[in-house]
Amino acid sequence: MAKKREYEWFLEPCGDVAYSNEILSRNIGSEENALKDVPCSDGVSRNLWRCPTGLVFMLWRSRGNFGTKFKMKIFCREGKGQIRNVTFLFKNERGGIKRKKVRL
């Protein structure tokens, strides 16, 4: 039987960091999920918020509702591995909204 992969998700506030931190703290809740100076795979230490999987997807989908000052990057760790930036997994290759093609 194959082992189930365990993922741990993190969010980094960007843009207006104070505003983004406020939004993340309201949605994530406890201050124990706020991590300071966490080393990432690219060698940079970042201030991250630990976040459940469902909340990561909800915040990404609704990021436009929080205003233009709210920006974030998404990081992930598989098992006991290094923390990697995975924001690119959430973006559309064209940078816009994904739309279905309509046949006429």
Protein backbone atom coordinates (compact mmCIF):
# COMPACT_ATOMS: atom_id res chain seq x y z
CA MET A 1 0.00 0.00 0.00
CA ALA A 2 1.39 3.39 -1.00
CA LYS A 3 1.95 5.98 1.69
CA LYS A 4 -0.33 8.98 1.63
CA ARG A 5 1.62 12.17 0.99
CA GLU A 6 1.30 14.82 3.65
CA TYR A 7 1.45 18.47 2.67
CA GLU A 8 1.80 21.51 4.89
CA TRP A 9 0.70 24.84 3.39
CA PHE A 10 2.03 28.32 4.16
CA LEU A 11 1.10 31.84 3.02
CA GLU A 12 3.44 34.82 2.75
CA PRO A 13 1.86 38.30 2.88
CA CYS A 14 3.06 40.57 0.05
CA GLY A 15 2.17 43.99 -1.34
CA ASP A 16 0.96 46.06 1.61
CA VAL A 17 2.35 43.64 4.20
CA ALA A 18 0.53 45.15 7.20
CA TYR A 19 -2.85 44.96 5.45
CA SER A 20 -2.17 41.45 4.11
CA ASN A 21 -1.07 40.29 7.58
CA GLU A 22 -4.30 41.64 9.05
CA ILE A 23 -6.42 39.76 6.48
CA LEU A 24 -4.50 36.52 7.05
CA SER A 25 -4.68 36.79 10.85
CA ARG A 26 -8.47 37.30 10.68
CA ASN A 27 -8.96 34.24 8.47
CA ILE A 28 -6.37 31.88 9.94
CA GLY A 29 -7.08 32.80 13.54
CA SER A 30 -4.44 31.98 16.10
CA GLU A 31 -1.05 33.67 16.35
CA GLU A 32 0.63 30.27 16.85
CA ASN A 33 0.33 29.77 13.08
CA ALA A 34 2.47 32.86 12.41
CA LEU A 35 6.07 31.76 11.80
CA LYS A 36 9.04 34.13 11.65
CA ASP A 37 12.28 33.74 9.70
CA VAL A 38 11.48 30.33 8.21
CA PRO A 39 14.21 29.13 5.78
CA CYS A 40 12.88 28.17 2.34
CA SER A 41 14.34 26.09 -0.48
CA ASP A 42 15.71 29.18 -2.25
CA GLY A 43 17.77 30.15 0.82
CA VAL A 44 15.62 33.15 1.81
CA SER A 45 14.11 33.42 5.31
CA ARG A 46 10.45 34.44 5.24
CA ASN A 47 7.65 35.28 7.65
CA LEU A 48 4.89 32.76 6.88
CA TRP A 49 1.45 31.76 8.11
CA ARG A 50 0.69 28.03 8.45
CA CYS A 51 -2.70 27.37 6.88
CA PRO A 52 -5.07 24.43 6.27
CA THR A 53 -5.43 23.25 2.66
CA GLY A 54 -9.06 24.30 2.22
CA LEU A 55 -8.38 27.80 3.50
CA VAL A 56 -5.46 28.25 1.07
CA PHE A 57 -7.75 27.57 -1.89
CA MET A 58 -10.56 29.73 -0.45
CA LEU A 59 -8.22 32.71 0.11
CA TRP A 60 -6.75 32.37 -3.39
CA ARG A 61 -10.19 32.31 -5.02
CA SER A 62 -11.49 35.25 -2.99
CA ARG A 63 -8.32 37.40 -2.97
CA GLY A 64 -10.01 40.01 -5.19
CA ASN A 65 -12.67 40.60 -2.52
CA PHE A 66 -10.04 41.92 -0.09
CA GLY A 67 -8.96 44.80 -2.36
CA THR A 68 -5.94 45.50 -4.53
CA LYS A 69 -3.57 45.94 -1.57
CA PHE A 70 -3.94 42.28 -0.54
CA LYS A 71 -1.33 40.04 -2.14
CA MET A 72 0.11 36.71 -1.06
CA LYS A 73 2.44 33.94 -2.15
CA ILE A 74 1.72 30.28 -1.49
CA PHE A 75 4.33 27.86 -0.18
CA CYS A 76 4.15 24.12 0.44
CA ARG A 77 6.19 21.45 2.23
CA GLU A 78 5.82 17.79 1.40
CA GLY A 79 6.42 15.63 4.47
CA LYS A 80 9.62 16.77 6.20
CA GLY A 81 11.05 18.38 3.05
CA GLN A 82 11.92 21.99 2.32
CA ILE A 83 9.37 24.76 1.95
CA ARG A 84 8.93 25.68 -1.73
CA ASN A 85 7.10 28.50 -3.51
CA VAL A 86 4.13 26.97 -5.37
CA THR A 87 2.18 30.12 -6.28
CA PHE A 88 2.66 29.26 -9.96
CA LEU A 89 0.38 26.22 -9.52
CA PHE A 90 -2.55 28.52 -8.79
CA LYS A 91 -2.07 30.94 -11.70
CA ASN A 92 -3.59 30.67 -15.14
CA GLU A 93 -0.98 30.61 -17.90
CA ARG A 94 -2.55 33.70 -19.49
CA GLY A 95 -2.81 35.50 -16.17
CA GLY A 96 -6.56 35.95 -16.44
CA ILE A 97 -9.70 34.11 -15.52
CA LYS A 98 -10.03 30.58 -16.86
CA ARG A 99 -12.88 30.45 -19.36
CA LYS A 100 -14.48 27.62 -21.28
CA LYS A 101 -14.48 27.71 -25.06
CA VAL A 102 -17.96 27.95 -26.50
CA ARG A 103 -18.72 26.16 -29.75
CA LEU A 104 -21.08 27.88 -32.12
